[in-house]
Amino acid sequence: MRIVAIADTHTFTDDLTVPDGDILVHAGDMARGGDLDELATCAAYLRSLPHRHKVIVAGNHDWAFAREPAAARALFADMTYLEDSEATIAGLRFYGSPWQPAFHDWAFNLPRGPALAAVWSRIPPGIDVLVTHSPPAGIGDRSPIGSRAGCADLLARIAVVRPRLHLFGHIHQDGGAWPGPTTHVNCTTWECERAPTIIDIDADSITLISVPPHGRTDDD
């Protein structure tokens, strides 16, 4: 099963070449301001791509999913939108969630600590692919100012439920892959600065086919 993963397109898709695959995953921040009109344009773009299955989560810029959820979801009715929910697609169990540690004054913010831990506690055991907008602590979360933006409670929950693959975005400057018991991938395309990530997953293995290099200039 070939997964093509993108995030943080922010409507900048004119120069983004998205290769074909079985499942397209968008890990949030399709939009900039995130009103319904902008999200309708984003939905039309995703609909134009050839992938049979499309899985999306909202990001902090995708405001209408928080403010007008029924209308926003209707725009993506022919796709699989996940918000603290799961779906089985082509034999793989996906779970998706849009939340993040409070980050400026954007959508889907929660304070660090019990509120975020409660959200992540809903991630069930046995899933194959976890899709969140935000990163776990210490993995793909190096912000432009040198601090870490990821969530320790998300990392702790992943250690318990052990999904095979975790896809996220949010931090543009720290795209890349971190193999392990769970393979973590920051699949940001950083407004067309990075290419999509291509991953093959089968019953026995996860194979990273194409992972663009880190957007930042150091690997600390």
N, C-alpha and C. Protein backbone atom coordinates (compact mmCIF):
# COMPACT_ATOMS: atom_id res chain seq x y z
N MET A 1 0.85 -1.18 0.00
CA MET A 1 0.00 0.00 0.00
C MET A 1 0.89 1.24 0.00
N ARG A 2 0.74 2.09 -1.00
CA ARG A 2 1.58 3.29 -1.08
C ARG A 2 0.82 4.49 -0.52
N ILE A 3 1.43 5.13 0.47
CA ILE A 3 0.89 6.34 1.08
C ILE A 3 1.72 7.52 0.61
N VAL A 4 1.04 8.56 0.15
CA VAL A 4 1.69 9.82 -0.20
C VAL A 4 1.22 10.85 0.82
N ALA A 5 2.15 11.45 1.54
CA ALA A 5 1.81 12.30 2.68
C ALA A 5 2.28 13.73 2.46
N ILE A 6 1.38 14.67 2.77
CA ILE A 6 1.68 16.09 2.67
C ILE A 6 1.09 16.80 3.88
N ALA A 7 1.55 18.02 4.12
CA ALA A 7 1.00 18.86 5.19
C ALA A 7 1.46 20.28 4.96
N ASP A 8 0.76 21.23 5.56
CA ASP A 8 1.16 22.64 5.55
C ASP A 8 1.24 23.21 4.13
N THR A 9 0.27 22.85 3.31
CA THR A 9 0.24 23.40 1.96
C THR A 9 -0.24 24.85 1.95
N HIS A 10 -1.12 25.21 2.88
CA HIS A 10 -1.55 26.59 3.05
C HIS A 10 -2.03 27.23 1.73
N THR A 11 -2.65 26.45 0.88
CA THR A 11 -3.15 26.84 -0.46
C THR A 11 -2.04 27.02 -1.48
N PHE A 12 -0.76 26.87 -1.09
CA PHE A 12 0.35 27.01 -2.04
C PHE A 12 0.58 25.66 -2.72
N THR A 13 -0.21 25.38 -3.74
CA THR A 13 -0.15 24.06 -4.39
C THR A 13 0.23 24.14 -5.87
N ASP A 14 0.35 25.34 -6.43
CA ASP A 14 0.61 25.46 -7.87
C ASP A 14 1.90 24.77 -8.28
N ASP A 15 2.92 24.81 -7.43
CA ASP A 15 4.21 24.23 -7.77
C ASP A 15 4.47 22.92 -7.04
N LEU A 16 3.43 22.32 -6.48
CA LEU A 16 3.59 21.08 -5.73
C LEU A 16 3.24 19.90 -6.64
N THR A 17 4.22 19.05 -6.90
CA THR A 17 3.99 17.84 -7.69
C THR A 17 3.72 16.69 -6.73
N VAL A 18 2.51 16.14 -6.81
CA VAL A 18 2.10 15.08 -5.90
C VAL A 18 2.05 13.77 -6.67
N PRO A 19 2.94 12.83 -6.37
CA PRO A 19 2.94 11.57 -7.10
C PRO A 19 1.71 10.73 -6.76
N ASP A 20 1.36 9.83 -7.66
CA ASP A 20 0.21 8.95 -7.43
C ASP A 20 0.54 7.93 -6.35
N GLY A 21 -0.49 7.37 -5.79
CA GLY A 21 -0.36 6.33 -4.78
C GLY A 21 -1.73 5.81 -4.45
N ASP A 22 -1.82 4.94 -3.45
CA ASP A 22 -3.11 4.39 -3.06
C ASP A 22 -3.87 5.32 -2.12
N ILE A 23 -3.15 5.92 -1.18
CA ILE A 23 -3.77 6.76 -0.16
C ILE A 23 -3.01 8.08 -0.07
N LEU A 24 -3.72 9.18 -0.18
CA LEU A 24 -3.15 10.50 0.07
C LEU A 24 -3.51 10.91 1.49
N VAL A 25 -2.52 11.31 2.26
CA VAL A 25 -2.75 11.83 3.61
C VAL A 25 -2.35 13.29 3.64
N HIS A 26 -3.28 14.15 4.10
CA HIS A 26 -2.95 15.55 4.36
C HIS A 26 -3.03 15.75 5.87
N ALA A 27 -1.89 16.06 6.49
CA ALA A 27 -1.80 16.16 7.94
C ALA A 27 -2.05 17.57 8.46
N GLY A 28 -2.91 18.31 7.78
CA GLY A 28 -3.38 19.58 8.32
C GLY A 28 -2.69 20.81 7.78
N ASP A 29 -3.36 21.94 7.99
CA ASP A 29 -2.99 23.24 7.43
C ASP A 29 -3.09 23.25 5.91
N MET A 30 -4.27 22.90 5.45
CA MET A 30 -4.59 23.04 4.03
C MET A 30 -4.71 24.50 3.66
N ALA A 31 -5.19 25.31 4.60
CA ALA A 31 -5.59 26.69 4.34
C ALA A 31 -4.64 27.67 5.01
N ARG A 32 -4.95 28.95 4.84
CA ARG A 32 -4.22 30.02 5.54
C ARG A 32 -5.14 30.64 6.59
N GLY A 33 -6.15 31.41 6.15
CA GLY A 33 -7.12 31.94 7.09
C GLY A 33 -8.13 30.90 7.51
N GLY A 34 -8.45 29.96 6.59
CA GLY A 34 -9.25 28.81 6.94
C GLY A 34 -10.75 29.00 6.95
N ASP A 35 -11.28 30.03 6.22
CA ASP A 35 -12.74 30.15 6.16
C ASP A 35 -13.29 29.13 5.16
N LEU A 36 -14.61 29.07 5.04
CA LEU A 36 -15.23 28.05 4.21
C LEU A 36 -14.87 28.20 2.73
N ASP A 37 -14.79 29.43 2.26
CA ASP A 37 -14.44 29.64 0.85
C ASP A 37 -13.04 29.11 0.56
N GLU A 38 -12.12 29.40 1.45
CA GLU A 38 -10.76 28.94 1.24
C GLU A 38 -10.68 27.42 1.33
N LEU A 39 -11.42 26.83 2.27
CA LEU A 39 -11.40 25.38 2.39
C LEU A 39 -12.08 24.71 1.19
N ALA A 40 -13.05 25.37 0.60
CA ALA A 40 -13.67 24.81 -0.61
C ALA A 40 -12.64 24.72 -1.74
N THR A 41 -11.78 25.72 -1.84
CA THR A 41 -10.71 25.67 -2.84
C THR A 41 -9.74 24.54 -2.53
N CYS A 42 -9.42 24.35 -1.25
CA CYS A 42 -8.53 23.28 -0.85
C CYS A 42 -9.15 21.92 -1.16
N ALA A 43 -10.44 21.77 -0.89
CA ALA A 43 -11.11 20.51 -1.17
C ALA A 43 -11.10 20.20 -2.66
N ALA A 44 -11.33 21.22 -3.49
CA ALA A 44 -11.32 21.01 -4.94
C ALA A 44 -9.93 20.57 -5.40
N TYR A 45 -8.90 21.16 -4.83
CA TYR A 45 -7.54 20.75 -5.19
C TYR A 45 -7.30 19.29 -4.82
N LEU A 46 -7.63 18.90 -3.59
CA LEU A 46 -7.42 17.52 -3.18
C LEU A 46 -8.25 16.56 -4.04
N ARG A 47 -9.45 16.99 -4.39
CA ARG A 47 -10.32 16.15 -5.22
C ARG A 47 -9.72 15.93 -6.60
N SER A 48 -8.92 16.87 -7.07
CA SER A 48 -8.33 16.76 -8.41
C SER A 48 -7.19 15.75 -8.46
N LEU A 49 -6.67 15.35 -7.31
CA LEU A 49 -5.54 14.42 -7.27
C LEU A 49 -6.05 13.00 -7.50
N PRO A 50 -5.21 12.12 -8.07
CA PRO A 50 -5.71 10.84 -8.55
C PRO A 50 -5.86 9.74 -7.52
N HIS A 51 -5.45 9.96 -6.30
CA HIS A 51 -5.43 8.89 -5.30
C HIS A 51 -6.86 8.41 -5.00
N ARG A 52 -7.00 7.10 -4.88
CA ARG A 52 -8.33 6.52 -4.65
C ARG A 52 -8.87 6.91 -3.28
N HIS A 53 -8.00 6.94 -2.28
CA HIS A 53 -8.40 7.27 -0.91
C HIS A 53 -7.68 8.52 -0.46
N LYS A 54 -8.40 9.38 0.25
CA LYS A 54 -7.82 10.62 0.77
C LYS A 54 -8.20 10.75 2.24
N VAL A 55 -7.17 10.90 3.08
CA VAL A 55 -7.35 11.01 4.52
C VAL A 55 -6.83 12.37 4.95
N ILE A 56 -7.63 13.11 5.70
CA ILE A 56 -7.21 14.44 6.12
C ILE A 56 -7.49 14.66 7.60
N VAL A 57 -6.66 15.47 8.23
CA VAL A 57 -6.97 16.06 9.53
C VAL A 57 -6.86 17.56 9.37
N ALA A 58 -7.51 18.28 10.26
CA ALA A 58 -7.41 19.74 10.24
C ALA A 58 -6.13 20.18 10.94
N GLY A 59 -5.68 21.38 10.61
CA GLY A 59 -4.55 21.99 11.29
C GLY A 59 -4.96 23.30 11.92
N ASN A 60 -4.02 23.97 12.54
CA ASN A 60 -4.35 25.18 13.27
C ASN A 60 -4.80 26.34 12.37
N HIS A 61 -4.49 26.28 11.06
CA HIS A 61 -4.98 27.29 10.13
C HIS A 61 -6.34 26.95 9.53
N ASP A 62 -6.83 25.76 9.74
CA ASP A 62 -8.07 25.30 9.11
C ASP A 62 -9.27 25.62 10.00
N TRP A 63 -9.48 26.92 10.23
CA TRP A 63 -10.38 27.41 11.26
C TRP A 63 -11.81 26.92 11.13
N ALA A 64 -12.33 26.80 9.93
CA ALA A 64 -13.75 26.47 9.77
C ALA A 64 -14.10 25.12 10.38
N PHE A 65 -13.13 24.21 10.46
CA PHE A 65 -13.42 22.92 11.10
C PHE A 65 -13.73 23.09 12.58
N ALA A 66 -13.20 24.16 13.20
CA ALA A 66 -13.49 24.44 14.60
C ALA A 66 -14.72 25.33 14.76
N ARG A 67 -14.90 26.29 13.84
CA ARG A 67 -15.98 27.28 13.98
C ARG A 67 -17.29 26.86 13.33
N GLU A 68 -17.19 26.17 12.20
CA GLU A 68 -18.38 25.74 11.45
C GLU A 68 -18.18 24.29 11.02
N PRO A 69 -18.11 23.38 12.00
CA PRO A 69 -17.67 22.02 11.69
C PRO A 69 -18.55 21.28 10.69
N ALA A 70 -19.85 21.43 10.80
CA ALA A 70 -20.72 20.69 9.87
C ALA A 70 -20.51 21.14 8.44
N ALA A 71 -20.42 22.45 8.22
CA ALA A 71 -20.23 22.98 6.87
C ALA A 71 -18.85 22.60 6.34
N ALA A 72 -17.84 22.68 7.19
CA ALA A 72 -16.49 22.34 6.75
C ALA A 72 -16.39 20.86 6.38
N ARG A 73 -16.95 20.02 7.20
CA ARG A 73 -16.89 18.58 6.91
C ARG A 73 -17.63 18.25 5.62
N ALA A 74 -18.72 18.97 5.36
CA ALA A 74 -19.49 18.71 4.14
C ALA A 74 -18.66 18.96 2.89
N LEU A 75 -17.74 19.90 2.96
CA LEU A 75 -16.88 20.19 1.80
C LEU A 75 -15.99 19.01 1.45
N PHE A 76 -15.70 18.17 2.44
CA PHE A 76 -14.79 17.04 2.26
C PHE A 76 -15.53 15.71 2.41
N ALA A 77 -16.81 15.72 2.09
CA ALA A 77 -17.66 14.55 2.34
C ALA A 77 -17.22 13.31 1.57
N ASP A 78 -16.56 13.51 0.44
CA ASP A 78 -16.11 12.35 -0.35
C ASP A 78 -14.71 11.90 0.03
N MET A 79 -14.17 12.46 1.12
CA MET A 79 -12.86 12.08 1.64
C MET A 79 -13.05 11.58 3.07
N THR A 80 -12.00 11.09 3.67
CA THR A 80 -12.06 10.62 5.06
C THR A 80 -11.47 11.68 5.96
N TYR A 81 -12.33 12.42 6.64
CA TYR A 81 -11.88 13.44 7.59
C TYR A 81 -11.88 12.82 8.98
N LEU A 82 -10.74 12.91 9.67
CA LEU A 82 -10.60 12.31 10.99
C LEU A 82 -10.37 13.40 12.03
N GLU A 83 -11.23 13.40 13.04
CA GLU A 83 -11.07 14.32 14.17
C GLU A 83 -11.35 13.54 15.44
N ASP A 84 -10.28 13.07 16.06
CA ASP A 84 -10.39 12.17 17.21
C ASP A 84 -11.25 10.97 16.85
N SER A 85 -10.95 10.41 15.70
CA SER A 85 -11.74 9.30 15.18
C SER A 85 -10.86 8.42 14.32
N GLU A 86 -11.39 7.25 13.96
CA GLU A 86 -10.62 6.31 13.17
C GLU A 86 -11.42 5.79 11.99
N ALA A 87 -10.71 5.23 11.03
CA ALA A 87 -11.33 4.61 9.86
C ALA A 87 -10.38 3.53 9.36
N THR A 88 -10.95 2.47 8.83
CA THR A 88 -10.15 1.43 8.19
C THR A 88 -10.21 1.63 6.69
N ILE A 89 -9.06 1.80 6.08
CA ILE A 89 -8.96 2.09 4.65
C ILE A 89 -7.98 1.11 4.03
N ALA A 90 -8.47 0.36 3.06
CA ALA A 90 -7.63 -0.61 2.35
C ALA A 90 -6.91 -1.53 3.33
N GLY A 91 -7.60 -1.92 4.39
CA GLY A 91 -7.05 -2.84 5.36
C GLY A 91 -6.18 -2.24 6.44
N LEU A 92 -5.95 -0.91 6.39
CA LEU A 92 -5.13 -0.22 7.40
C LEU A 92 -6.03 0.58 8.33
N ARG A 93 -5.78 0.50 9.62
CA ARG A 93 -6.52 1.30 10.59
C ARG A 93 -5.83 2.65 10.76
N PHE A 94 -6.55 3.71 10.46
CA PHE A 94 -6.07 5.09 10.61
C PHE A 94 -6.79 5.73 11.79
N TYR A 95 -6.07 6.58 12.52
CA TYR A 95 -6.67 7.44 13.54
C TYR A 95 -6.09 8.83 13.35
N GLY A 96 -6.96 9.85 13.43
CA GLY A 96 -6.50 11.21 13.21
C GLY A 96 -6.98 12.17 14.27
N SER A 97 -6.15 13.21 14.52
CA SER A 97 -6.50 14.22 15.52
C SER A 97 -5.81 15.54 15.18
N PRO A 98 -6.51 16.69 15.34
CA PRO A 98 -5.96 17.98 14.93
C PRO A 98 -5.28 18.79 16.04
N TRP A 99 -5.29 18.32 17.28
CA TRP A 99 -4.92 19.17 18.42
C TRP A 99 -3.42 19.42 18.50
N GLN A 100 -3.07 20.44 19.27
CA GLN A 100 -1.67 20.81 19.44
C GLN A 100 -1.50 21.58 20.75
N PRO A 101 -0.29 21.58 21.31
CA PRO A 101 -0.03 22.49 22.42
C PRO A 101 -0.25 23.93 21.96
N ALA A 102 -0.82 24.74 22.82
CA ALA A 102 -1.20 26.11 22.47
C ALA A 102 -0.11 26.80 21.68
N PHE A 103 -0.49 27.30 20.49
CA PHE A 103 0.47 27.85 19.53
C PHE A 103 -0.14 29.13 18.97
N HIS A 104 0.30 30.28 19.48
CA HIS A 104 -0.30 31.56 19.11
C HIS A 104 -1.81 31.50 19.33
N ASP A 105 -2.59 32.18 18.53
CA ASP A 105 -4.05 32.22 18.75
C ASP A 105 -4.74 31.51 17.59
N TRP A 106 -4.43 30.22 17.43
CA TRP A 106 -4.94 29.47 16.30
C TRP A 106 -5.96 28.43 16.74
N ALA A 107 -6.49 27.72 15.76
CA ALA A 107 -7.50 26.69 16.02
C ALA A 107 -6.86 25.46 16.67
N PHE A 108 -7.70 24.70 17.36
CA PHE A 108 -7.33 23.41 17.94
C PHE A 108 -6.15 23.51 18.91
N ASN A 109 -6.08 24.62 19.64
CA ASN A 109 -5.10 24.79 20.70
C ASN A 109 -5.61 24.19 22.00
N LEU A 110 -4.74 23.55 22.75
CA LEU A 110 -5.04 23.13 24.12
C LEU A 110 -3.79 23.36 24.97
N PRO A 111 -3.98 23.66 26.25
CA PRO A 111 -2.81 23.82 27.12
C PRO A 111 -2.11 22.49 27.34
N ARG A 112 -0.80 22.56 27.52
CA ARG A 112 -0.04 21.36 27.85
C ARG A 112 -0.52 20.80 29.19
N GLY A 113 -0.42 19.50 29.34
CA GLY A 113 -0.82 18.88 30.58
C GLY A 113 -2.10 18.06 30.43
N PRO A 114 -2.98 18.07 31.43
CA PRO A 114 -4.13 17.17 31.44
C PRO A 114 -5.05 17.30 30.22
N ALA A 115 -5.26 18.51 29.71
CA ALA A 115 -6.19 18.67 28.57
C ALA A 115 -5.68 17.93 27.34
N LEU A 116 -4.40 18.09 27.03
CA LEU A 116 -3.85 17.37 25.88
C LEU A 116 -3.72 15.87 26.16
N ALA A 117 -3.35 15.52 27.37
CA ALA A 117 -3.24 14.10 27.70
C ALA A 117 -4.59 13.40 27.52
N ALA A 118 -5.68 14.10 27.86
CA ALA A 118 -7.01 13.51 27.69
C ALA A 118 -7.33 13.28 26.22
N VAL A 119 -6.95 14.22 25.37
CA VAL A 119 -7.16 14.05 23.93
C VAL A 119 -6.38 12.85 23.41
N TRP A 120 -5.11 12.77 23.77
CA TRP A 120 -4.29 11.67 23.25
C TRP A 120 -4.70 10.33 23.84
N SER A 121 -5.32 10.33 25.00
CA SER A 121 -5.75 9.06 25.61
C SER A 121 -6.80 8.35 24.76
N ARG A 122 -7.42 9.08 23.84
CA ARG A 122 -8.43 8.48 22.96
C ARG A 122 -7.80 7.66 21.83
N ILE A 123 -6.52 7.85 21.58
CA ILE A 123 -5.86 7.08 20.51
C ILE A 123 -5.88 5.61 20.90
N PRO A 124 -6.51 4.77 20.10
CA PRO A 124 -6.70 3.37 20.53
C PRO A 124 -5.49 2.49 20.19
N PRO A 125 -5.31 1.42 20.93
CA PRO A 125 -4.30 0.43 20.54
C PRO A 125 -4.70 -0.22 19.22
N GLY A 126 -3.70 -0.76 18.53
CA GLY A 126 -3.97 -1.55 17.35
C GLY A 126 -4.08 -0.80 16.05
N ILE A 127 -3.91 0.54 16.07
CA ILE A 127 -3.98 1.27 14.81
C ILE A 127 -2.67 1.10 14.05
N ASP A 128 -2.77 1.22 12.74
CA ASP A 128 -1.59 1.14 11.89
C ASP A 128 -0.96 2.50 11.65
N VAL A 129 -1.82 3.50 11.36
CA VAL A 129 -1.32 4.82 10.98
C VAL A 129 -2.00 5.88 11.85
N LEU A 130 -1.21 6.63 12.58
CA LEU A 130 -1.68 7.78 13.35
C LEU A 130 -1.36 9.04 12.56
N VAL A 131 -2.35 9.90 12.40
CA VAL A 131 -2.16 11.18 11.72
C VAL A 131 -2.55 12.29 12.69
N THR A 132 -1.59 13.12 13.06
CA THR A 132 -1.87 14.30 13.87
C THR A 132 -1.32 15.50 13.12
N HIS A 133 -1.81 16.69 13.49
CA HIS A 133 -1.19 17.87 12.88
C HIS A 133 0.12 18.20 13.57
N SER A 134 0.16 18.04 14.87
CA SER A 134 1.33 18.47 15.63
C SER A 134 2.26 17.30 15.92
N PRO A 135 3.53 17.59 16.19
CA PRO A 135 4.51 16.54 16.44
C PRO A 135 4.56 16.11 17.90
N PRO A 136 5.16 14.95 18.15
CA PRO A 136 5.49 14.58 19.53
C PRO A 136 6.76 15.30 19.98
N ALA A 137 6.98 15.33 21.26
CA ALA A 137 8.16 16.03 21.80
C ALA A 137 9.45 15.40 21.30
N GLY A 138 10.32 16.25 20.76
CA GLY A 138 11.65 15.83 20.39
C GLY A 138 11.80 15.20 19.03
N ILE A 139 10.72 15.12 18.26
CA ILE A 139 10.76 14.46 16.95
C ILE A 139 10.11 15.39 15.92
N GLY A 140 10.89 15.91 15.01
CA GLY A 140 10.33 16.77 13.96
C GLY A 140 9.66 18.01 14.48
N ASP A 141 10.13 18.51 15.63
CA ASP A 141 9.43 19.61 16.28
C ASP A 141 10.31 20.82 16.56
N ARG A 142 11.49 20.91 15.87
CA ARG A 142 12.38 22.03 16.10
C ARG A 142 11.84 23.27 15.41
N SER A 143 11.49 24.26 16.19
CA SER A 143 10.88 25.48 15.64
C SER A 143 11.96 26.43 15.15
N PRO A 144 11.58 27.47 14.40
CA PRO A 144 12.57 28.42 13.86
C PRO A 144 13.40 29.12 14.92
N ILE A 145 12.86 29.23 16.13
CA ILE A 145 13.60 29.93 17.18
C ILE A 145 14.44 28.99 18.02
N GLY A 146 14.52 27.72 17.60
CA GLY A 146 15.38 26.77 18.28
C GLY A 146 14.74 26.01 19.41
N SER A 147 13.49 26.31 19.73
CA SER A 147 12.81 25.59 20.79
C SER A 147 12.08 24.38 20.22
N ARG A 148 11.59 23.54 21.11
CA ARG A 148 10.84 22.36 20.72
C ARG A 148 9.34 22.63 20.89
N ALA A 149 8.57 22.30 19.86
CA ALA A 149 7.13 22.60 19.89
C ALA A 149 6.27 21.37 20.14
N GLY A 150 6.90 20.18 20.18
CA GLY A 150 6.13 18.95 20.27
C GLY A 150 5.57 18.69 21.66
N CYS A 151 4.71 17.67 21.72
CA CYS A 151 3.96 17.38 22.93
C CYS A 151 4.48 16.10 23.60
N ALA A 152 4.89 16.22 24.85
CA ALA A 152 5.39 15.06 25.58
C ALA A 152 4.30 14.04 25.84
N ASP A 153 3.07 14.50 26.06
CA ASP A 153 1.98 13.56 26.31
C ASP A 153 1.62 12.76 25.06
N LEU A 154 1.76 13.38 23.88
CA LEU A 154 1.56 12.63 22.64
C LEU A 154 2.63 11.55 22.50
N LEU A 155 3.87 11.90 22.77
CA LEU A 155 4.96 10.93 22.69
C LEU A 155 4.72 9.76 23.65
N ALA A 156 4.24 10.08 24.85
CA ALA A 156 3.99 9.03 25.84
C ALA A 156 2.86 8.10 25.39
N ARG A 157 1.82 8.66 24.81
CA ARG A 157 0.71 7.82 24.35
C ARG A 157 1.14 6.94 23.18
N ILE A 158 1.96 7.47 22.28
CA ILE A 158 2.45 6.67 21.17
C ILE A 158 3.28 5.49 21.68
N ALA A 159 4.04 5.70 22.73
CA ALA A 159 4.84 4.61 23.30
C ALA A 159 3.96 3.49 23.84
N VAL A 160 2.74 3.84 24.25
CA VAL A 160 1.80 2.83 24.78
C VAL A 160 1.10 2.10 23.64
N VAL A 161 0.54 2.85 22.68
CA VAL A 161 -0.30 2.22 21.65
C VAL A 161 0.51 1.72 20.45
N ARG A 162 1.70 2.27 20.24
CA ARG A 162 2.66 1.80 19.24
C ARG A 162 2.06 1.65 17.83
N PRO A 163 1.56 2.74 17.25
CA PRO A 163 1.16 2.65 15.84
C PRO A 163 2.38 2.34 14.99
N ARG A 164 2.17 1.77 13.85
CA ARG A 164 3.29 1.45 12.97
C ARG A 164 3.88 2.70 12.34
N LEU A 165 3.02 3.66 12.05
CA LEU A 165 3.45 4.88 11.35
C LEU A 165 2.74 6.07 11.95
N HIS A 166 3.48 7.16 12.17
CA HIS A 166 2.90 8.42 12.66
C HIS A 166 3.25 9.52 11.68
N LEU A 167 2.23 10.13 11.09
CA LEU A 167 2.40 11.23 10.15
C LEU A 167 1.91 12.52 10.78
N PHE A 168 2.70 13.61 10.61
CA PHE A 168 2.32 14.90 11.16
C PHE A 168 3.01 15.98 10.35
N GLY A 169 2.73 17.24 10.69
CA GLY A 169 3.34 18.38 10.03
C GLY A 169 3.56 19.49 11.04
N HIS A 170 3.00 20.67 10.75
CA HIS A 170 2.95 21.81 11.66
C HIS A 170 4.26 22.59 11.73
N ILE A 171 5.38 21.92 12.01
CA ILE A 171 6.66 22.61 12.09
C ILE A 171 7.37 22.47 10.75
N HIS A 172 7.35 23.55 9.98
CA HIS A 172 7.82 23.50 8.59
C HIS A 172 9.31 23.20 8.49
N GLN A 173 10.08 23.67 9.43
CA GLN A 173 11.54 23.63 9.31
C GLN A 173 12.15 22.28 9.72
N ASP A 174 11.32 21.33 10.16
CA ASP A 174 11.88 20.09 10.70
C ASP A 174 11.25 18.87 10.04
N GLY A 175 11.02 18.95 8.73
CA GLY A 175 10.50 17.79 8.01
C GLY A 175 11.53 16.68 7.93
N GLY A 176 11.07 15.47 7.89
CA GLY A 176 11.96 14.32 7.79
C GLY A 176 11.34 13.09 8.39
N ALA A 177 12.13 12.02 8.51
CA ALA A 177 11.64 10.74 9.02
C ALA A 177 12.54 10.24 10.12
N TRP A 178 11.94 9.58 11.10
CA TRP A 178 12.63 9.01 12.25
C TRP A 178 12.16 7.57 12.43
N PRO A 179 12.84 6.59 11.83
CA PRO A 179 12.43 5.19 11.96
C PRO A 179 12.57 4.71 13.40
N GLY A 180 11.78 3.70 13.75
CA GLY A 180 11.82 3.12 15.08
C GLY A 180 10.67 2.16 15.25
N PRO A 181 10.36 1.77 16.49
CA PRO A 181 9.18 0.93 16.71
C PRO A 181 7.92 1.55 16.10
N THR A 182 7.80 2.87 16.23
CA THR A 182 6.88 3.67 15.42
C THR A 182 7.73 4.54 14.50
N THR A 183 7.48 4.47 13.21
CA THR A 183 8.17 5.35 12.27
C THR A 183 7.45 6.69 12.26
N HIS A 184 8.15 7.74 12.69
CA HIS A 184 7.59 9.08 12.73
C HIS A 184 8.01 9.84 11.48
N VAL A 185 7.08 10.54 10.85
CA VAL A 185 7.39 11.32 9.66
C VAL A 185 6.73 12.69 9.76
N ASN A 186 7.57 13.74 9.80
CA ASN A 186 7.05 15.09 9.60
C ASN A 186 6.98 15.30 8.09
N CYS A 187 5.76 15.21 7.56
CA CYS A 187 5.55 15.20 6.11
C CYS A 187 5.21 16.59 5.57
N THR A 188 5.62 17.63 6.30
CA THR A 188 5.35 18.99 5.82
C THR A 188 5.88 19.19 4.40
N THR A 189 5.11 19.89 3.59
CA THR A 189 5.60 20.31 2.28
C THR A 189 5.94 21.80 2.28
N TRP A 190 5.73 22.46 3.41
CA TRP A 190 6.22 23.81 3.67
C TRP A 190 5.92 24.74 2.49
N GLU A 191 4.63 24.80 2.14
CA GLU A 191 4.20 25.72 1.07
C GLU A 191 5.02 25.51 -0.21
N CYS A 192 5.19 24.23 -0.58
CA CYS A 192 5.90 23.81 -1.80
C CYS A 192 7.43 23.89 -1.67
N GLU A 193 7.96 24.16 -0.48
CA GLU A 193 9.41 24.15 -0.31
C GLU A 193 9.96 22.73 -0.24
N ARG A 194 9.13 21.77 0.15
CA ARG A 194 9.54 20.37 0.22
C ARG A 194 8.56 19.52 -0.59
N ALA A 195 9.05 18.42 -1.12
CA ALA A 195 8.22 17.50 -1.88
C ALA A 195 7.40 16.62 -0.93
N PRO A 196 6.36 15.97 -1.45
CA PRO A 196 5.63 14.99 -0.64
C PRO A 196 6.53 13.83 -0.21
N THR A 197 6.11 13.17 0.84
CA THR A 197 6.77 11.97 1.33
C THR A 197 6.03 10.74 0.81
N ILE A 198 6.78 9.75 0.35
CA ILE A 198 6.19 8.53 -0.19
C ILE A 198 6.61 7.36 0.68
N ILE A 199 5.62 6.57 1.11
CA ILE A 199 5.85 5.47 2.04
C ILE A 199 5.09 4.25 1.55
N ASP A 200 5.75 3.10 1.52
CA ASP A 200 5.08 1.84 1.27
C ASP A 200 4.93 1.10 2.59
N ILE A 201 3.73 0.58 2.84
CA ILE A 201 3.47 -0.16 4.07
C ILE A 201 2.75 -1.44 3.71
N ASP A 202 3.23 -2.56 4.25
CA ASP A 202 2.57 -3.84 4.01
C ASP A 202 2.48 -4.60 5.33
N ALA A 203 2.14 -5.89 5.24
CA ALA A 203 1.90 -6.65 6.45
C ALA A 203 3.14 -6.76 7.32
N ASP A 204 4.32 -6.68 6.70
CA ASP A 204 5.55 -6.94 7.43
C ASP A 204 6.43 -5.73 7.66
N SER A 205 6.28 -4.68 6.86
CA SER A 205 7.29 -3.62 6.94
C SER A 205 6.73 -2.27 6.52
N ILE A 206 7.48 -1.25 6.90
CA ILE A 206 7.27 0.11 6.41
C ILE A 206 8.52 0.49 5.64
N THR A 207 8.36 0.90 4.40
CA THR A 207 9.49 1.27 3.57
C THR A 207 9.37 2.73 3.18
N LEU A 208 10.37 3.52 3.57
CA LEU A 208 10.39 4.94 3.22
C LEU A 208 10.97 5.06 1.81
N ILE A 209 10.11 5.36 0.85
CA ILE A 209 10.51 5.40 -0.55
C ILE A 209 11.17 6.73 -0.89
N SER A 210 10.57 7.82 -0.46
CA SER A 210 11.09 9.15 -0.78
C SER A 210 10.78 10.09 0.36
N VAL A 211 11.81 10.51 1.06
CA VAL A 211 11.67 11.46 2.16
C VAL A 211 12.53 12.67 1.84
N PRO A 212 11.92 13.82 1.55
CA PRO A 212 12.73 15.01 1.25
C PRO A 212 13.64 15.37 2.41
N PRO A 213 14.75 16.04 2.15
CA PRO A 213 15.69 16.39 3.22
C PRO A 213 15.07 17.40 4.17
N HIS A 214 15.69 17.52 5.34
CA HIS A 214 15.23 18.50 6.33
C HIS A 214 15.23 19.89 5.73
N GLY A 215 14.21 20.67 6.11
CA GLY A 215 14.18 22.05 5.66
C GLY A 215 15.14 22.94 6.42
N ARG A 216 15.52 22.55 7.64
CA ARG A 216 16.44 23.37 8.42
C ARG A 216 17.87 23.08 8.03
N THR A 217 18.79 23.81 8.59
CA THR A 217 20.19 23.72 8.16
C THR A 217 21.06 22.97 9.13
N ASP A 218 20.49 22.45 10.22
CA ASP A 218 21.28 21.65 11.16
C ASP A 218 20.48 20.44 11.56
N ASP A 219 21.12 19.44 12.09
CA ASP A 219 20.47 18.23 12.52
C ASP A 219 20.65 17.99 14.02
N ASP A 220 20.69 19.06 14.79
CA ASP A 220 20.86 18.92 16.24
C ASP A 220 19.65 18.20 16.84
